[in-house]
Every structure is written in C-alpha cells, then in structure tokens.
Amino acid sequence: MLKHLALIPDGNRRWAKKRGLLPWQGHLAGAKNLEKILKKVWELKIPYFTFWGMSADNALKRPKEEVKMLFKIFRSYFHKLLKSREIEKEQVKINVIGRWENLFPKDLKELIRKIVEKTKNNQKFFLTLLLAYNGTDEMLEAISKIVKKAKKENFNFSEKTLLENLWTGNLPPVDLVIRTGCEKDPHNSAGFMMWQTAYAQFYFTKTLFPEFSSNELERAIKSYFKRERRFGG
C-alpha cells in the first residue's frame, strides 16, 4: 500500500517564462493544478499527501513582488479550502508546517489557523502543506530542543526523542517522493523531510508542475509498485 506520498512541485517559473508570462502566473497555474492532483490522490485513496508549497529560501530570497503575489495566491487558495465542501466530504485534515508563523503576513496566518482548526477532527485523509519550509531548519530546531531538554534532565536519546521534536514527527514515513521539473538534474533540496524520507523511493520527471497531470501521477505510482523496497537490507 502507498500510505504517504510527497510532492516537490518544481517548474512553475520556467513554465511561465516559456510562455512569456510573469513568474507569479506560473505559481497560479501550479495552484490550479494542485486542485486536480488532490482529487486524484483522494480517488486513489492515498491517506497521507505532503506538498512542498514554498521553501524558506523562496520566502526570504525571491523578489519581493513575486513573494507578495505568492501570498496573494495562498490567500485565495486557503479561502477556497475554507469553503470547500469536498474537504468535508472527503474528511481531510489539513496541517501547515514550516516557518510561516514567522514569515507570513498576519491576515494569511489567521486564515491558515482557521482551516487547520476547522479540519482538525477529520481523520480520513491527511493533507500537509509545507510553507516557508526547509528540512535543514526542521532538523536544526529539533536538535536545539533536544539539547535544551538534555541540559535540564537526564534521558535516553532515541528515534522517538527525535520524532517528538521534528515538525513532521507525527507523519508516517514517506513511501514515494515525486519531484517535477527535473530534466537531467534529479536532486533533493534543503534536506527535504530528511528523516521521513530515509527509505523513500523517488520519481523524477522533466514535466513542469503546471503540466503534471493526474495521468502522470498514476504512472509514477505504478512505477513505485514495480520496485523492490529494501529498507537497508
């Protein structure tokens, strides 16, 4: 069974550039495509889906105008989620992980909190959105918390200790990571969910995310089921 699917959506800006559009128009096309991908994920009955919507570097280093437009797209998307009948019908629990509490505007943070609160009791599907997220930040913060705790009390360090302090510690291990927009350059970025992807399979495609169809998603999943997972054995 494919229990946890993660998606790194590369290629929005390149998609826009190819068409003579502005970068934020590529992000808007990506947001619209995410809606189609989500429907297919739920149709395929994959319980956990994690989507990397924005890295911390994107929030801090991209041109201010582009980041401003990204925030506008996020507002629109979260308003849709808040009103969505499908979210309630499918019993989707939404969580948002990353440094968004520190880097996002006040009104957007309030909107995110509303959708998290509204869906907190849903237990059929689990949608995790990584916003202003870097895996390196996640791991460094976990280590910092553990060090502080160790100074105050004696305890035995274990995998459980680490998981309790990771932002993504409540999620099951990732089975498959899909990264779009990778032509001749298959790679990970910023320590993406480094603990939860320790034994994950990867699927790289040159398809830019706005063009990544539900059909290609199914092909990626079929490819996953044909592989032999060794788990270090």
C-alpha atoms as a PDB file:
ATOM      1  CA  MET A   1       0.000   0.000   0.000  1.00  0.00           C
ATOM      2  CA  LEU A   2       1.154   3.535  -0.747  1.00  0.00           C
ATOM      3  CA  LYS A   3       0.431   5.270   2.535  1.00  0.00           C
ATOM      4  CA  HIS A   4       2.370   8.544   2.276  1.00  0.00           C
ATOM      5  CA  LEU A   5       3.070  10.436  -0.953  1.00  0.00           C
ATOM      6  CA  ALA A   6       5.129  13.646  -1.024  1.00  0.00           C
ATOM      7  CA  LEU A   7       5.378  16.025  -3.962  1.00  0.00           C
ATOM      8  CA  ILE A   8       8.028  18.672  -4.744  1.00  0.00           C
ATOM      9  CA  PRO A   9       6.454  20.866  -7.457  1.00  0.00           C
ATOM     10  CA  ASP A  10       9.315  22.324  -9.490  1.00  0.00           C
ATOM     11  CA  GLY A  11       8.880  24.317 -12.677  1.00  0.00           C
ATOM     12  CA  ASN A  12       6.200  26.971 -12.150  1.00  0.00           C
ATOM     13  CA  ARG A  13       8.513  29.860 -13.065  1.00  0.00           C
ATOM     14  CA  ARG A  14      10.045  28.027 -16.039  1.00  0.00           C
ATOM     15  CA  TRP A  15       6.544  27.202 -17.289  1.00  0.00           C
ATOM     16  CA  ALA A  16       5.642  30.904 -17.150  1.00  0.00           C
ATOM     17  CA  LYS A  17       8.905  32.015 -18.800  1.00  0.00           C
ATOM     18  CA  LYS A  18       8.333  29.655 -21.748  1.00  0.00           C
ATOM     19  CA  ARG A  19       5.016  31.402 -22.353  1.00  0.00           C
ATOM     20  CA  GLY A  20       6.225  34.953 -21.860  1.00  0.00           C
ATOM     21  CA  LEU A  21       4.302  35.237 -18.606  1.00  0.00           C
ATOM     22  CA  LEU A  22       5.262  36.668 -15.233  1.00  0.00           C
ATOM     23  CA  PRO A  23       6.624  34.256 -12.571  1.00  0.00           C
ATOM     24  CA  TRP A  24       3.557  34.601 -10.344  1.00  0.00           C
ATOM     25  CA  GLN A  25       1.352  33.471 -13.242  1.00  0.00           C
ATOM     26  CA  GLY A  26       3.279  30.203 -13.196  1.00  0.00           C
ATOM     27  CA  HIS A  27       2.613  29.871  -9.470  1.00  0.00           C
ATOM     28  CA  LEU A  28      -1.092  30.497 -10.095  1.00  0.00           C
ATOM     29  CA  ALA A  29      -1.143  27.764 -12.757  1.00  0.00           C
ATOM     30  CA  GLY A  30       0.597  25.455 -10.279  1.00  0.00           C
ATOM     31  CA  ALA A  31      -2.009  26.181  -7.592  1.00  0.00           C
ATOM     32  CA  LYS A  32      -4.819  25.340 -10.015  1.00  0.00           C
ATOM     33  CA  ASN A  33      -3.085  22.103 -10.962  1.00  0.00           C
ATOM     34  CA  LEU A  34      -2.714  21.134  -7.307  1.00  0.00           C
ATOM     35  CA  GLU A  35      -6.513  21.006  -7.046  1.00  0.00           C
ATOM     36  CA  LYS A  36      -6.591  18.346  -9.809  1.00  0.00           C
ATOM     37  CA  ILE A  37      -3.760  16.377  -8.216  1.00  0.00           C
ATOM     38  CA  LEU A  38      -5.516  16.376  -4.839  1.00  0.00           C
ATOM     39  CA  LYS A  39      -8.693  14.944  -6.354  1.00  0.00           C
ATOM     40  CA  LYS A  40      -6.678  12.126  -7.917  1.00  0.00           C
ATOM     41  CA  VAL A  41      -4.847  11.421  -4.636  1.00  0.00           C
ATOM     42  CA  TRP A  42      -8.163  11.043  -2.826  1.00  0.00           C
ATOM     43  CA  GLU A  43      -9.588   8.990  -5.673  1.00  0.00           C
ATOM     44  CA  LEU A  44      -6.611   6.633  -5.319  1.00  0.00           C
ATOM     45  CA  LYS A  45      -7.241   6.516  -1.553  1.00  0.00           C
ATOM     46  CA  ILE A  46      -3.737   7.600  -0.535  1.00  0.00           C
ATOM     47  CA  PRO A  47      -4.241   8.656   3.098  1.00  0.00           C
ATOM     48  CA  TYR A  48      -1.233  10.970   3.552  1.00  0.00           C
ATOM     49  CA  PHE A  49      -0.216  13.590   0.990  1.00  0.00           C
ATOM     50  CA  THR A  50       2.508  16.167   1.663  1.00  0.00           C
ATOM     51  CA  PHE A  51       3.035  19.103  -0.707  1.00  0.00           C
ATOM     52  CA  TRP A  52       6.015  21.485  -0.564  1.00  0.00           C
ATOM     53  CA  GLY A  53       4.337  24.771  -1.400  1.00  0.00           C
ATOM     54  CA  MET A  54       7.194  27.136  -0.559  1.00  0.00           C
ATOM     55  CA  SER A  55      10.707  26.857   0.829  1.00  0.00           C
ATOM     56  CA  ALA A  56      12.051  29.258   3.440  1.00  0.00           C
ATOM     57  CA  ASP A  57      14.577  30.408   0.819  1.00  0.00           C
ATOM     58  CA  ASN A  58      11.709  31.264  -1.542  1.00  0.00           C
ATOM     59  CA  ALA A  59      10.135  33.460   1.118  1.00  0.00           C
ATOM     60  CA  LEU A  60      13.386  35.197   2.049  1.00  0.00           C
ATOM     61  CA  LYS A  61      15.332  35.460  -1.222  1.00  0.00           C
ATOM     62  CA  ARG A  62      12.859  35.747  -4.091  1.00  0.00           C
ATOM     63  CA  PRO A  63      11.972  39.249  -5.392  1.00  0.00           C
ATOM     64  CA  LYS A  64       9.547  40.992  -3.005  1.00  0.00           C
ATOM     65  CA  GLU A  65       6.909  41.469  -5.684  1.00  0.00           C
ATOM     66  CA  GLU A  66       6.921  37.749  -6.506  1.00  0.00           C
ATOM     67  CA  VAL A  67       6.644  36.796  -2.812  1.00  0.00           C
ATOM     68  CA  LYS A  68       3.795  39.286  -2.414  1.00  0.00           C
ATOM     69  CA  MET A  69       1.937  37.634  -5.291  1.00  0.00           C
ATOM     70  CA  LEU A  70       2.602  34.190  -3.803  1.00  0.00           C
ATOM     71  CA  PHE A  71       0.980  35.335  -0.565  1.00  0.00           C
ATOM     72  CA  LYS A  72      -1.998  36.546  -2.598  1.00  0.00           C
ATOM     73  CA  ILE A  73      -2.297  33.120  -4.246  1.00  0.00           C
ATOM     74  CA  PHE A  74      -2.057  31.407  -0.845  1.00  0.00           C
ATOM     75  CA  ARG A  75      -4.865  33.635   0.479  1.00  0.00           C
ATOM     76  CA  SER A  76      -7.094  32.707  -2.426  1.00  0.00           C
ATOM     77  CA  TYR A  77      -6.268  29.015  -2.077  1.00  0.00           C
ATOM     78  CA  PHE A  78      -6.906  28.880   1.674  1.00  0.00           C
ATOM     79  CA  HIS A  79     -10.200  30.758   1.256  1.00  0.00           C
ATOM     80  CA  LYS A  80     -11.211  28.038  -1.217  1.00  0.00           C
ATOM     81  CA  LEU A  81     -10.213  25.308   1.206  1.00  0.00           C
ATOM     82  CA  LEU A  82     -12.140  27.011   3.991  1.00  0.00           C
ATOM     83  CA  LYS A  83     -15.346  26.973   1.911  1.00  0.00           C
ATOM     84  CA  SER A  84     -14.734  23.637   0.198  1.00  0.00           C
ATOM     85  CA  ARG A  85     -17.485  21.045   0.557  1.00  0.00           C
ATOM     86  CA  GLU A  86     -15.106  18.433  -0.818  1.00  0.00           C
ATOM     87  CA  ILE A  87     -12.728  18.857   2.120  1.00  0.00           C
ATOM     88  CA  GLU A  88     -15.563  17.985   4.497  1.00  0.00           C
ATOM     89  CA  LYS A  89     -16.981  15.286   2.240  1.00  0.00           C
ATOM     90  CA  GLU A  90     -13.593  13.552   1.999  1.00  0.00           C
ATOM     91  CA  GLN A  91     -12.857  14.206   5.688  1.00  0.00           C
ATOM     92  CA  VAL A  92      -9.500  15.851   5.006  1.00  0.00           C
ATOM     93  CA  LYS A  93      -7.396  17.041   7.923  1.00  0.00           C
ATOM     94  CA  ILE A  94      -5.139  19.928   6.883  1.00  0.00           C
ATOM     95  CA  ASN A  95      -1.902  20.858   8.589  1.00  0.00           C
ATOM     96  CA  VAL A  96       0.662  23.507   7.650  1.00  0.00           C
ATOM     97  CA  ILE A  97       4.314  23.071   8.598  1.00  0.00           C
ATOM     98  CA  GLY A  98       7.263  25.451   8.298  1.00  0.00           C
ATOM     99  CA  ARG A  99       8.314  28.950   9.319  1.00  0.00           C
ATOM    100  CA  TRP A 100       5.094  30.540   8.080  1.00  0.00           C
ATOM    101  CA  GLU A 101       4.320  31.785  11.615  1.00  0.00           C
ATOM    102  CA  ASN A 102       7.447  33.957  11.419  1.00  0.00           C
ATOM    103  CA  LEU A 103       7.452  34.946   7.755  1.00  0.00           C
ATOM    104  CA  PHE A 104       3.817  35.285   6.610  1.00  0.00           C
ATOM    105  CA  PRO A 105       1.551  38.369   6.908  1.00  0.00           C
ATOM    106  CA  LYS A 106      -0.838  38.447   9.874  1.00  0.00           C
ATOM    107  CA  ASP A 107      -4.044  38.006   7.865  1.00  0.00           C
ATOM    108  CA  LEU A 108      -2.652  34.990   6.000  1.00  0.00           C
ATOM    109  CA  LYS A 109      -1.530  33.373   9.260  1.00  0.00           C
ATOM    110  CA  GLU A 110      -5.024  33.825  10.700  1.00  0.00           C
ATOM    111  CA  LEU A 111      -6.527  32.218   7.608  1.00  0.00           C
ATOM    112  CA  ILE A 112      -4.193  29.221   7.900  1.00  0.00           C
ATOM    113  CA  ARG A 113      -5.071  28.785  11.575  1.00  0.00           C
ATOM    114  CA  LYS A 114      -8.781  28.810  10.681  1.00  0.00           C
ATOM    115  CA  ILE A 115      -8.506  25.986   8.150  1.00  0.00           C
ATOM    116  CA  VAL A 116      -6.307  23.923  10.488  1.00  0.00           C
ATOM    117  CA  GLU A 117      -8.817  24.396  13.312  1.00  0.00           C
ATOM    118  CA  LYS A 118     -11.813  23.671  11.101  1.00  0.00           C
ATOM    119  CA  THR A 119     -10.418  20.350   9.849  1.00  0.00           C
ATOM    120  CA  LYS A 120      -8.647  19.148  13.000  1.00  0.00           C
ATOM    121  CA  ASN A 121     -11.157  16.351  13.693  1.00  0.00           C
ATOM    122  CA  ASN A 122     -11.162  14.921  10.148  1.00  0.00           C
ATOM    123  CA  GLN A 123      -9.429  11.543  10.038  1.00  0.00           C
ATOM    124  CA  LYS A 124      -9.779  10.008   6.568  1.00  0.00           C
ATOM    125  CA  PHE A 125      -7.170  11.931   4.549  1.00  0.00           C
ATOM    126  CA  PHE A 126      -4.250  13.999   5.819  1.00  0.00           C
ATOM    127  CA  LEU A 127      -3.047  16.910   3.706  1.00  0.00           C
ATOM    128  CA  THR A 128       0.202  18.523   4.887  1.00  0.00           C
ATOM    129  CA  LEU A 129       1.319  21.765   3.259  1.00  0.00           C
ATOM    130  CA  LEU A 130       4.949  22.735   3.767  1.00  0.00           C
ATOM    131  CA  LEU A 131       5.188  26.536   3.676  1.00  0.00           C
ATOM    132  CA  ALA A 132       8.374  28.523   4.328  1.00  0.00           C
ATOM    133  CA  TYR A 133       9.841  25.078   4.992  1.00  0.00           C
ATOM    134  CA  ASN A 134      13.407  23.804   4.775  1.00  0.00           C
ATOM    135  CA  GLY A 135      14.319  20.363   6.062  1.00  0.00           C
ATOM    136  CA  THR A 136      17.593  21.745   7.416  1.00  0.00           C
ATOM    137  CA  ASP A 137      15.654  24.258   9.553  1.00  0.00           C
ATOM    138  CA  GLU A 138      13.442  21.455  10.818  1.00  0.00           C
ATOM    139  CA  MET A 139      16.386  19.280  11.860  1.00  0.00           C
ATOM    140  CA  LEU A 140      18.345  22.142  13.463  1.00  0.00           C
ATOM    141  CA  GLU A 141      15.334  23.203  15.541  1.00  0.00           C
ATOM    142  CA  ALA A 142      14.750  19.618  16.674  1.00  0.00           C
ATOM    143  CA  ILE A 143      18.388  19.272  17.759  1.00  0.00           C
ATOM    144  CA  SER A 144      18.220  22.607  19.582  1.00  0.00           C
ATOM    145  CA  LYS A 145      15.121  21.497  21.520  1.00  0.00           C
ATOM    146  CA  ILE A 146      16.718  18.187  22.456  1.00  0.00           C
ATOM    147  CA  VAL A 147      19.937  19.875  23.646  1.00  0.00           C
ATOM    148  CA  LYS A 148      17.946  22.258  25.870  1.00  0.00           C
ATOM    149  CA  LYS A 149      15.993  19.348  27.309  1.00  0.00           C
ATOM    150  CA  ALA A 150      19.189  17.353  27.934  1.00  0.00           C
ATOM    151  CA  LYS A 151      20.639  20.218  29.975  1.00  0.00           C
ATOM    152  CA  LYS A 152      17.641  20.136  32.330  1.00  0.00           C
ATOM    153  CA  GLU A 153      17.170  16.394  32.785  1.00  0.00           C
ATOM    154  CA  ASN A 154      18.732  13.025  32.090  1.00  0.00           C
ATOM    155  CA  PHE A 155      17.045  10.983  29.396  1.00  0.00           C
ATOM    156  CA  ASN A 156      17.884   8.289  26.879  1.00  0.00           C
ATOM    157  CA  PHE A 157      18.096   9.634  23.377  1.00  0.00           C
ATOM    158  CA  SER A 158      16.235   7.543  20.808  1.00  0.00           C
ATOM    159  CA  GLU A 159      14.440   7.744  17.483  1.00  0.00           C
ATOM    160  CA  LYS A 160      11.279   8.519  19.451  1.00  0.00           C
ATOM    161  CA  THR A 161      13.022  11.532  21.032  1.00  0.00           C
ATOM    162  CA  LEU A 162      13.898  12.929  17.618  1.00  0.00           C
ATOM    163  CA  LEU A 163      10.425  12.344  16.187  1.00  0.00           C
ATOM    164  CA  GLU A 164       8.821  14.125  19.132  1.00  0.00           C
ATOM    165  CA  ASN A 165      10.828  17.239  18.264  1.00  0.00           C
ATOM    166  CA  LEU A 166      10.572  17.234  14.468  1.00  0.00           C
ATOM    167  CA  TRP A 167       7.902  19.396  12.810  1.00  0.00           C
ATOM    168  CA  THR A 168       6.947  16.369  10.704  1.00  0.00           C
ATOM    169  CA  GLY A 169       7.330  13.873  13.562  1.00  0.00           C
ATOM    170  CA  ASN A 170       3.623  12.977  13.632  1.00  0.00           C
ATOM    171  CA  LEU A 171       3.645  11.916   9.983  1.00  0.00           C
ATOM    172  CA  PRO A 172       4.358   8.348   8.864  1.00  0.00           C
ATOM    173  CA  PRO A 173       7.484   7.691   6.770  1.00  0.00           C
ATOM    174  CA  VAL A 174       7.197   8.842   3.172  1.00  0.00           C
ATOM    175  CA  ASP A 175       6.867   5.978   0.683  1.00  0.00           C
ATOM    176  CA  LEU A 176       7.265   7.938  -2.553  1.00  0.00           C
ATOM    177  CA  VAL A 177       8.628  11.404  -3.351  1.00  0.00           C
ATOM    178  CA  ILE A 178       7.713  12.879  -6.730  1.00  0.00           C
ATOM    179  CA  ARG A 179       9.758  15.814  -7.995  1.00  0.00           C
ATOM    180  CA  THR A 180       8.598  17.562 -11.151  1.00  0.00           C
ATOM    181  CA  GLY A 181      10.632  19.794 -13.468  1.00  0.00           C
ATOM    182  CA  CYS A 182      13.869  17.803 -13.129  1.00  0.00           C
ATOM    183  CA  GLU A 183      15.420  17.299 -16.547  1.00  0.00           C
ATOM    184  CA  LYS A 184      18.981  15.909 -16.332  1.00  0.00           C
ATOM    185  CA  ASP A 185      19.136  17.211 -12.752  1.00  0.00           C
ATOM    186  CA  PRO A 186      17.384  14.822 -10.328  1.00  0.00           C
ATOM    187  CA  HIS A 187      18.086  16.096  -6.836  1.00  0.00           C
ATOM    188  CA  ASN A 188      16.737  16.781  -3.376  1.00  0.00           C
ATOM    189  CA  SER A 189      16.647  20.281  -1.865  1.00  0.00           C
ATOM    190  CA  ALA A 190      17.280  21.797   1.569  1.00  0.00           C
ATOM    191  CA  GLY A 191      17.163  18.441   3.347  1.00  0.00           C
ATOM    192  CA  PHE A 192      13.530  17.866   2.362  1.00  0.00           C
ATOM    193  CA  MET A 193      11.900  15.822   5.170  1.00  0.00           C
ATOM    194  CA  MET A 194      15.281  14.144   5.665  1.00  0.00           C
ATOM    195  CA  TRP A 195      14.178  11.778   8.426  1.00  0.00           C
ATOM    196  CA  GLN A 196      10.799  10.827   6.970  1.00  0.00           C
ATOM    197  CA  THR A 197      12.296  10.137   3.509  1.00  0.00           C
ATOM    198  CA  ALA A 198      15.159   7.953   4.764  1.00  0.00           C
ATOM    199  CA  TYR A 199      13.791   4.894   2.907  1.00  0.00           C
ATOM    200  CA  ALA A 200      11.566   6.653   0.377  1.00  0.00           C
ATOM    201  CA  GLN A 201      11.520   5.914  -3.335  1.00  0.00           C
ATOM    202  CA  PHE A 202      11.969   8.884  -5.711  1.00  0.00           C
ATOM    203  CA  TYR A 203      10.309   9.640  -9.033  1.00  0.00           C
ATOM    204  CA  PHE A 204      11.826  12.424 -11.128  1.00  0.00           C
ATOM    205  CA  THR A 205      10.165  13.857 -14.227  1.00  0.00           C
ATOM    206  CA  LYS A 206      11.053  16.662 -16.629  1.00  0.00           C
ATOM    207  CA  THR A 207       7.371  17.667 -16.706  1.00  0.00           C
ATOM    208  CA  LEU A 208       6.938  21.144 -15.214  1.00  0.00           C
ATOM    209  CA  PHE A 209       4.429  21.155 -12.378  1.00  0.00           C
ATOM    210  CA  PRO A 210       1.610  23.130 -14.080  1.00  0.00           C
ATOM    211  CA  GLU A 211       1.627  20.372 -16.746  1.00  0.00           C
ATOM    212  CA  PHE A 212       1.984  17.440 -14.334  1.00  0.00           C
ATOM    213  CA  SER A 213      -1.261  15.596 -14.973  1.00  0.00           C
ATOM    214  CA  SER A 214      -3.230  13.140 -12.892  1.00  0.00           C
ATOM    215  CA  ASN A 215      -2.343  10.546 -15.562  1.00  0.00           C
ATOM    216  CA  GLU A 216       1.375  11.055 -14.952  1.00  0.00           C
ATOM    217  CA  LEU A 217       0.728  10.857 -11.228  1.00  0.00           C
ATOM    218  CA  GLU A 218      -0.776   7.418 -11.783  1.00  0.00           C
ATOM    219  CA  ARG A 219       2.245   6.407 -13.901  1.00  0.00           C
ATOM    220  CA  ALA A 220       4.575   7.460 -11.090  1.00  0.00           C
ATOM    221  CA  ILE A 221       2.603   5.378  -8.606  1.00  0.00           C
ATOM    222  CA  LYS A 222       2.589   2.349 -10.928  1.00  0.00           C
ATOM    223  CA  SER A 223       6.362   2.731 -11.232  1.00  0.00           C
ATOM    224  CA  TYR A 224       6.620   2.713  -7.436  1.00  0.00           C
ATOM    225  CA  PHE A 225       4.679  -0.546  -7.123  1.00  0.00           C
ATOM    226  CA  LYS A 226       7.019  -2.255  -9.596  1.00  0.00           C
ATOM    227  CA  ARG A 227      10.078  -1.516  -7.441  1.00  0.00           C
ATOM    228  CA  GLU A 228      11.534  -3.664  -4.704  1.00  0.00           C
ATOM    229  CA  ARG A 229      11.947  -1.690  -1.467  1.00  0.00           C
ATOM    230  CA  ARG A 230      14.935  -2.945   0.522  1.00  0.00           C
ATOM    231  CA  PHE A 231      14.817  -0.740   3.643  1.00  0.00           C
ATOM    232  CA  GLY A 232      18.590  -1.009   4.015  1.00  0.00           C
ATOM    233  CA  GLY A 233      18.611  -4.808   3.742  1.00  0.00           C
END
